[in-house]
Amino acid sequence: MAAGLEQYHATTKGEDDMFRIVVYCEDKRLAPILKELTSLIVGRPEIQPVVNAEVSDGVIKAKTNGKSKEKFLHYAKQHHVKDFSPAEGKKICQAIGMAPGSASYFFKQLVDGGIVRRGGGKTSSARYIVVAK
């Protein structure tokens, strides 16, 4: 029996208790894990990407302090984002764990904070240029 599960096994005494299990895995291991779990679990598992996380010495740690502006800067640096349209910005917001619907407010915060500046046209031709690195 896996370490730490003895207490649960000892308390059930034949009852049909159910448990919720939360685990973290790398994306390359997700498919094999789900394949193994398919016949063992009830219902569909909840799968949610974890943003702003990295594994260091077997411990999950945050890459940035978790604030949206810092997560944006980290994303822009890693993905070499020099400028972006509002539509691309919504995808960036989603990638850093924000709701795409809050993108326009977030862009305003980035402009006010001096992280990006607005360039281009008024609507679909608008571009945001990353000025802070």
N, C-alpha and C. Protein backbone atom coordinates (compact mmCIF):
# COMPACT_ATOMS: atom_id res chain seq x y z
N MET A 1 0.85 -1.19 0.00
CA MET A 1 0.00 0.00 0.00
C MET A 1 0.88 1.24 0.00
N ALA A 2 0.48 2.25 -0.72
CA ALA A 2 1.26 3.48 -0.84
C ALA A 2 1.39 4.16 0.51
N ALA A 3 2.52 4.83 0.69
CA ALA A 3 2.80 5.52 1.94
C ALA A 3 1.71 6.55 2.23
N GLY A 4 1.26 6.59 3.46
CA GLY A 4 0.26 7.56 3.87
C GLY A 4 -1.17 7.10 3.70
N LEU A 5 -1.41 6.00 3.00
CA LEU A 5 -2.78 5.53 2.78
C LEU A 5 -3.24 4.55 3.85
N GLU A 6 -2.34 4.10 4.70
CA GLU A 6 -2.71 3.14 5.73
C GLU A 6 -3.84 3.68 6.61
N GLN A 7 -3.79 4.94 6.96
CA GLN A 7 -4.82 5.52 7.83
C GLN A 7 -6.19 5.47 7.19
N TYR A 8 -6.27 5.65 5.87
CA TYR A 8 -7.57 5.60 5.20
C TYR A 8 -8.06 4.16 5.09
N HIS A 9 -7.16 3.25 4.81
CA HIS A 9 -7.54 1.84 4.68
C HIS A 9 -8.03 1.30 6.02
N ALA A 10 -7.37 1.69 7.10
CA ALA A 10 -7.73 1.19 8.42
C ALA A 10 -9.08 1.72 8.89
N THR A 11 -9.49 2.90 8.44
CA THR A 11 -10.72 3.49 8.95
C THR A 11 -11.96 3.05 8.18
N THR A 12 -11.80 2.52 6.96
CA THR A 12 -12.98 2.20 6.17
C THR A 12 -13.66 0.91 6.63
N LYS A 13 -12.93 -0.12 6.99
CA LYS A 13 -13.48 -1.39 7.48
C LYS A 13 -14.64 -1.89 6.63
N GLY A 14 -14.42 -1.94 5.31
CA GLY A 14 -15.42 -2.51 4.43
C GLY A 14 -16.47 -1.54 3.92
N GLU A 15 -16.45 -0.32 4.40
CA GLU A 15 -17.41 0.66 3.91
C GLU A 15 -17.01 1.09 2.50
N ASP A 16 -17.96 1.60 1.76
CA ASP A 16 -17.69 2.06 0.41
C ASP A 16 -17.43 3.56 0.40
N ASP A 17 -16.39 3.98 1.09
CA ASP A 17 -16.03 5.40 1.10
C ASP A 17 -15.42 5.77 -0.24
N MET A 18 -15.53 7.03 -0.59
CA MET A 18 -14.91 7.54 -1.82
C MET A 18 -13.96 8.66 -1.44
N PHE A 19 -12.96 8.86 -2.26
CA PHE A 19 -11.96 9.89 -2.01
C PHE A 19 -11.76 10.73 -3.25
N ARG A 20 -11.42 11.97 -3.03
CA ARG A 20 -11.02 12.87 -4.11
C ARG A 20 -9.52 12.98 -4.05
N ILE A 21 -8.85 12.78 -5.18
CA ILE A 21 -7.39 12.80 -5.24
C ILE A 21 -6.96 13.94 -6.16
N VAL A 22 -6.04 14.77 -5.68
CA VAL A 22 -5.48 15.85 -6.48
C VAL A 22 -4.01 15.52 -6.70
N VAL A 23 -3.60 15.44 -7.95
CA VAL A 23 -2.20 15.15 -8.28
C VAL A 23 -1.71 16.14 -9.33
N TYR A 24 -0.41 16.30 -9.41
CA TYR A 24 0.21 17.14 -10.41
C TYR A 24 1.15 16.28 -11.24
N CYS A 25 1.19 16.53 -12.54
CA CYS A 25 2.11 15.79 -13.40
C CYS A 25 2.55 16.68 -14.56
N GLU A 26 3.65 16.29 -15.17
CA GLU A 26 4.13 17.00 -16.36
C GLU A 26 3.22 16.66 -17.53
N ASP A 27 3.15 17.56 -18.49
CA ASP A 27 2.23 17.35 -19.61
C ASP A 27 2.54 16.08 -20.40
N LYS A 28 3.81 15.70 -20.51
CA LYS A 28 4.15 14.50 -21.27
C LYS A 28 3.70 13.22 -20.58
N ARG A 29 3.39 13.30 -19.30
CA ARG A 29 2.95 12.11 -18.55
C ARG A 29 1.45 12.05 -18.35
N LEU A 30 0.74 13.06 -18.79
CA LEU A 30 -0.71 13.12 -18.56
C LEU A 30 -1.45 11.97 -19.24
N ALA A 31 -1.19 11.72 -20.50
CA ALA A 31 -1.91 10.67 -21.23
C ALA A 31 -1.72 9.29 -20.62
N PRO A 32 -0.48 8.86 -20.32
CA PRO A 32 -0.33 7.54 -19.70
C PRO A 32 -1.01 7.42 -18.34
N ILE A 33 -0.98 8.50 -17.56
CA ILE A 33 -1.64 8.48 -16.25
C ILE A 33 -3.14 8.33 -16.41
N LEU A 34 -3.73 9.10 -17.32
CA LEU A 34 -5.17 9.01 -17.55
C LEU A 34 -5.57 7.63 -18.07
N LYS A 35 -4.73 7.07 -18.92
CA LYS A 35 -5.01 5.73 -19.45
C LYS A 35 -5.05 4.69 -18.34
N GLU A 36 -4.13 4.78 -17.40
CA GLU A 36 -4.10 3.85 -16.28
C GLU A 36 -5.28 4.05 -15.33
N LEU A 37 -5.70 5.29 -15.15
CA LEU A 37 -6.78 5.59 -14.21
C LEU A 37 -8.17 5.26 -14.76
N THR A 38 -8.31 5.16 -16.06
CA THR A 38 -9.61 5.02 -16.70
C THR A 38 -10.49 3.95 -16.07
N SER A 39 -9.96 2.78 -15.82
CA SER A 39 -10.79 1.70 -15.28
C SER A 39 -10.91 1.74 -13.77
N LEU A 40 -10.19 2.64 -13.11
CA LEU A 40 -10.18 2.67 -11.65
C LEU A 40 -11.02 3.77 -11.03
N ILE A 41 -11.39 4.77 -11.82
CA ILE A 41 -12.08 5.92 -11.24
C ILE A 41 -13.53 5.98 -11.69
N VAL A 42 -14.31 6.75 -10.96
CA VAL A 42 -15.71 6.98 -11.29
C VAL A 42 -15.81 8.38 -11.89
N GLY A 43 -16.45 8.49 -13.04
CA GLY A 43 -16.61 9.79 -13.68
C GLY A 43 -15.38 10.22 -14.44
N ARG A 44 -15.43 11.46 -14.89
CA ARG A 44 -14.33 12.03 -15.66
C ARG A 44 -13.43 12.85 -14.74
N PRO A 45 -12.13 12.72 -14.89
CA PRO A 45 -11.23 13.53 -14.05
C PRO A 45 -11.24 14.99 -14.50
N GLU A 46 -11.03 15.88 -13.56
CA GLU A 46 -10.90 17.30 -13.88
C GLU A 46 -9.45 17.54 -14.25
N ILE A 47 -9.21 18.05 -15.44
CA ILE A 47 -7.86 18.32 -15.89
C ILE A 47 -7.73 19.81 -16.11
N GLN A 48 -6.77 20.42 -15.45
CA GLN A 48 -6.60 21.86 -15.53
C GLN A 48 -5.11 22.17 -15.60
N PRO A 49 -4.69 22.93 -16.61
CA PRO A 49 -3.27 23.30 -16.66
C PRO A 49 -2.91 24.20 -15.49
N VAL A 50 -1.71 24.04 -15.00
CA VAL A 50 -1.21 24.86 -13.90
C VAL A 50 -0.27 25.89 -14.50
N VAL A 51 -0.60 27.16 -14.34
CA VAL A 51 0.27 28.21 -14.86
C VAL A 51 1.18 28.71 -13.75
N ASN A 52 2.30 29.27 -14.14
CA ASN A 52 3.22 29.88 -13.19
C ASN A 52 3.83 28.86 -12.23
N ALA A 53 4.08 27.64 -12.68
CA ALA A 53 4.64 26.62 -11.79
C ALA A 53 5.81 25.93 -12.44
N GLU A 54 6.77 25.53 -11.62
CA GLU A 54 7.90 24.73 -12.07
C GLU A 54 8.29 23.80 -10.93
N VAL A 55 8.89 22.67 -11.28
CA VAL A 55 9.32 21.71 -10.27
C VAL A 55 10.80 21.90 -10.03
N SER A 56 11.16 22.06 -8.77
CA SER A 56 12.56 22.22 -8.38
C SER A 56 12.80 21.35 -7.14
N ASP A 57 13.69 20.39 -7.26
CA ASP A 57 14.00 19.46 -6.17
C ASP A 57 12.76 18.72 -5.67
N GLY A 58 11.87 18.34 -6.59
CA GLY A 58 10.68 17.59 -6.26
C GLY A 58 9.57 18.40 -5.61
N VAL A 59 9.71 19.72 -5.62
CA VAL A 59 8.71 20.61 -5.01
C VAL A 59 8.20 21.56 -6.09
N ILE A 60 6.89 21.79 -6.11
CA ILE A 60 6.30 22.72 -7.07
C ILE A 60 6.45 24.13 -6.51
N LYS A 61 7.06 25.00 -7.31
CA LYS A 61 7.29 26.39 -6.89
C LYS A 61 6.76 27.33 -7.97
N ALA A 62 6.42 28.54 -7.56
CA ALA A 62 5.96 29.56 -8.51
C ALA A 62 7.14 30.14 -9.26
N LYS A 63 6.95 30.37 -10.58
CA LYS A 63 7.99 30.98 -11.40
C LYS A 63 8.10 32.47 -11.10
N THR A 64 6.97 33.12 -10.86
CA THR A 64 6.95 34.54 -10.54
C THR A 64 6.17 34.72 -9.25
N ASN A 65 6.00 35.97 -8.82
CA ASN A 65 5.28 36.20 -7.57
C ASN A 65 3.77 36.03 -7.70
N GLY A 66 3.30 35.69 -8.90
CA GLY A 66 1.88 35.41 -9.09
C GLY A 66 1.04 36.61 -9.49
N LYS A 67 1.65 37.79 -9.54
CA LYS A 67 0.90 38.97 -9.96
C LYS A 67 0.86 38.99 -11.48
N SER A 68 -0.24 39.43 -12.01
CA SER A 68 -0.49 39.36 -13.44
C SER A 68 0.57 40.07 -14.27
N LYS A 69 1.00 41.24 -13.85
CA LYS A 69 2.00 41.97 -14.61
C LYS A 69 3.31 41.20 -14.70
N GLU A 70 3.73 40.62 -13.59
CA GLU A 70 4.98 39.85 -13.58
C GLU A 70 4.83 38.58 -14.42
N LYS A 71 3.65 37.94 -14.35
CA LYS A 71 3.42 36.76 -15.18
C LYS A 71 3.44 37.13 -16.65
N PHE A 72 2.89 38.30 -17.00
CA PHE A 72 2.92 38.75 -18.39
C PHE A 72 4.36 38.97 -18.84
N LEU A 73 5.16 39.66 -18.03
CA LEU A 73 6.56 39.91 -18.39
C LEU A 73 7.33 38.61 -18.57
N HIS A 74 7.09 37.66 -17.69
CA HIS A 74 7.76 36.36 -17.79
C HIS A 74 7.35 35.66 -19.08
N TYR A 75 6.07 35.68 -19.40
CA TYR A 75 5.57 35.06 -20.63
C TYR A 75 6.16 35.76 -21.85
N ALA A 76 6.15 37.08 -21.85
CA ALA A 76 6.67 37.85 -22.99
C ALA A 76 8.14 37.55 -23.23
N LYS A 77 8.90 37.42 -22.15
CA LYS A 77 10.33 37.12 -22.29
C LYS A 77 10.54 35.70 -22.82
N GLN A 78 9.82 34.74 -22.27
CA GLN A 78 10.00 33.34 -22.69
C GLN A 78 9.55 33.10 -24.12
N HIS A 79 8.50 33.79 -24.56
CA HIS A 79 7.95 33.56 -25.89
C HIS A 79 8.35 34.65 -26.89
N HIS A 80 9.30 35.50 -26.49
CA HIS A 80 9.84 36.55 -27.36
C HIS A 80 8.74 37.42 -27.96
N VAL A 81 7.82 37.85 -27.11
CA VAL A 81 6.72 38.71 -27.55
C VAL A 81 7.22 40.15 -27.58
N LYS A 82 7.24 40.74 -28.75
CA LYS A 82 7.64 42.14 -28.90
C LYS A 82 6.43 43.05 -29.03
N ASP A 83 5.39 42.54 -29.70
CA ASP A 83 4.14 43.27 -29.81
C ASP A 83 3.02 42.25 -30.02
N PHE A 84 1.78 42.72 -29.83
CA PHE A 84 0.64 41.81 -29.96
C PHE A 84 -0.63 42.60 -30.24
N SER A 85 -1.55 41.95 -30.91
CA SER A 85 -2.87 42.53 -31.18
C SER A 85 -3.79 42.23 -29.99
N PRO A 86 -4.92 42.89 -29.89
CA PRO A 86 -5.86 42.56 -28.81
C PRO A 86 -6.29 41.09 -28.83
N ALA A 87 -6.48 40.51 -30.02
CA ALA A 87 -6.87 39.09 -30.10
C ALA A 87 -5.74 38.20 -29.58
N GLU A 88 -4.51 38.51 -29.95
CA GLU A 88 -3.36 37.74 -29.44
C GLU A 88 -3.21 37.94 -27.94
N GLY A 89 -3.51 39.16 -27.48
CA GLY A 89 -3.43 39.47 -26.06
C GLY A 89 -4.39 38.65 -25.22
N LYS A 90 -5.58 38.38 -25.78
CA LYS A 90 -6.55 37.54 -25.06
C LYS A 90 -5.98 36.13 -24.87
N LYS A 91 -5.28 35.63 -25.88
CA LYS A 91 -4.66 34.30 -25.76
C LYS A 91 -3.53 34.32 -24.74
N ILE A 92 -2.79 35.43 -24.69
CA ILE A 92 -1.72 35.56 -23.69
C ILE A 92 -2.34 35.58 -22.30
N CYS A 93 -3.44 36.33 -22.13
CA CYS A 93 -4.12 36.38 -20.83
C CYS A 93 -4.52 34.98 -20.39
N GLN A 94 -5.08 34.22 -21.31
CA GLN A 94 -5.49 32.86 -20.98
C GLN A 94 -4.28 32.00 -20.61
N ALA A 95 -3.17 32.19 -21.31
CA ALA A 95 -1.96 31.40 -21.05
C ALA A 95 -1.37 31.69 -19.67
N ILE A 96 -1.59 32.91 -19.15
CA ILE A 96 -1.05 33.24 -17.83
C ILE A 96 -2.09 33.08 -16.73
N GLY A 97 -3.22 32.48 -17.08
CA GLY A 97 -4.22 32.13 -16.07
C GLY A 97 -5.30 33.16 -15.83
N MET A 98 -5.44 34.11 -16.73
CA MET A 98 -6.48 35.12 -16.60
C MET A 98 -7.64 34.81 -17.51
N ALA A 99 -8.78 35.37 -17.22
CA ALA A 99 -9.95 35.21 -18.09
C ALA A 99 -9.75 36.10 -19.32
N PRO A 100 -9.99 35.56 -20.52
CA PRO A 100 -9.83 36.38 -21.72
C PRO A 100 -10.73 37.62 -21.72
N GLY A 101 -11.84 37.55 -21.02
CA GLY A 101 -12.75 38.69 -20.96
C GLY A 101 -12.20 39.88 -20.20
N SER A 102 -11.18 39.67 -19.38
CA SER A 102 -10.59 40.78 -18.63
C SER A 102 -9.38 41.37 -19.34
N ALA A 103 -9.16 40.97 -20.60
CA ALA A 103 -7.97 41.39 -21.34
C ALA A 103 -7.88 42.90 -21.52
N SER A 104 -8.98 43.56 -21.91
CA SER A 104 -8.90 45.00 -22.19
C SER A 104 -8.54 45.78 -20.92
N TYR A 105 -9.11 45.39 -19.79
CA TYR A 105 -8.76 46.05 -18.52
C TYR A 105 -7.29 45.80 -18.19
N PHE A 106 -6.83 44.57 -18.43
CA PHE A 106 -5.43 44.22 -18.16
C PHE A 106 -4.49 45.01 -19.06
N PHE A 107 -4.85 45.17 -20.35
CA PHE A 107 -4.02 45.96 -21.26
C PHE A 107 -3.89 47.39 -20.76
N LYS A 108 -4.99 47.94 -20.24
CA LYS A 108 -4.96 49.30 -19.69
C LYS A 108 -3.99 49.36 -18.51
N GLN A 109 -4.01 48.34 -17.66
CA GLN A 109 -3.08 48.30 -16.53
C GLN A 109 -1.63 48.23 -17.01
N LEU A 110 -1.40 47.44 -18.07
CA LEU A 110 -0.04 47.32 -18.61
C LEU A 110 0.43 48.66 -19.20
N VAL A 111 -0.47 49.36 -19.89
CA VAL A 111 -0.13 50.67 -20.46
C VAL A 111 0.15 51.66 -19.33
N ASP A 112 -0.74 51.71 -18.34
CA ASP A 112 -0.57 52.62 -17.20
C ASP A 112 0.70 52.32 -16.41
N GLY A 113 1.09 51.06 -16.38
CA GLY A 113 2.30 50.66 -15.65
C GLY A 113 3.57 50.81 -16.45
N GLY A 114 3.46 51.24 -17.71
CA GLY A 114 4.65 51.44 -18.52
C GLY A 114 5.26 50.16 -19.06
N ILE A 115 4.51 49.08 -19.02
CA ILE A 115 5.02 47.80 -19.49
C ILE A 115 4.83 47.66 -20.99
N VAL A 116 3.70 48.15 -21.50
CA VAL A 116 3.44 48.18 -22.94
C VAL A 116 2.98 49.58 -23.32
N ARG A 117 3.09 49.88 -24.60
CA ARG A 117 2.49 51.12 -25.10
C ARG A 117 1.61 50.77 -26.29
N ARG A 118 0.63 51.58 -26.47
CA ARG A 118 -0.31 51.31 -27.54
C ARG A 118 0.22 51.90 -28.85
N GLY A 119 0.09 51.12 -29.91
CA GLY A 119 0.52 51.59 -31.22
C GLY A 119 -0.50 51.14 -32.24
N GLY A 120 -0.37 51.58 -33.46
CA GLY A 120 -1.28 51.16 -34.51
C GLY A 120 -2.59 51.92 -34.47
N GLY A 121 -3.63 51.29 -34.99
CA GLY A 121 -4.93 51.93 -35.13
C GLY A 121 -5.80 51.86 -33.90
N LYS A 122 -7.07 52.12 -34.12
CA LYS A 122 -8.03 52.19 -33.02
C LYS A 122 -8.64 50.84 -32.65
N THR A 123 -8.93 49.98 -33.62
CA THR A 123 -9.67 48.75 -33.30
C THR A 123 -8.88 47.52 -33.72
N SER A 124 -9.28 46.90 -34.82
CA SER A 124 -8.66 45.64 -35.21
C SER A 124 -7.20 45.78 -35.62
N SER A 125 -6.78 46.98 -36.03
CA SER A 125 -5.38 47.17 -36.42
C SER A 125 -4.51 47.61 -35.25
N ALA A 126 -5.09 47.73 -34.07
CA ALA A 126 -4.35 48.17 -32.89
C ALA A 126 -3.27 47.15 -32.52
N ARG A 127 -2.16 47.63 -32.02
CA ARG A 127 -1.08 46.77 -31.55
C ARG A 127 -0.61 47.30 -30.21
N TYR A 128 -0.14 46.42 -29.37
CA TYR A 128 0.49 46.79 -28.12
C TYR A 128 1.96 46.41 -28.24
N ILE A 129 2.85 47.35 -27.93
CA ILE A 129 4.28 47.11 -28.05
C ILE A 129 4.85 46.96 -26.64
N VAL A 130 5.56 45.86 -26.41
CA VAL A 130 6.17 45.60 -25.10
C VAL A 130 7.40 46.48 -24.98
N VAL A 131 7.43 47.34 -23.96
CA VAL A 131 8.58 48.24 -23.76
C VAL A 131 9.41 47.86 -22.55
N ALA A 132 8.82 47.19 -21.57
CA ALA A 132 9.56 46.76 -20.38
C ALA A 132 10.00 45.32 -20.55
N LYS A 133 11.19 45.03 -20.12
CA LYS A 133 11.68 43.64 -20.20
C LYS A 133 12.07 43.15 -18.87
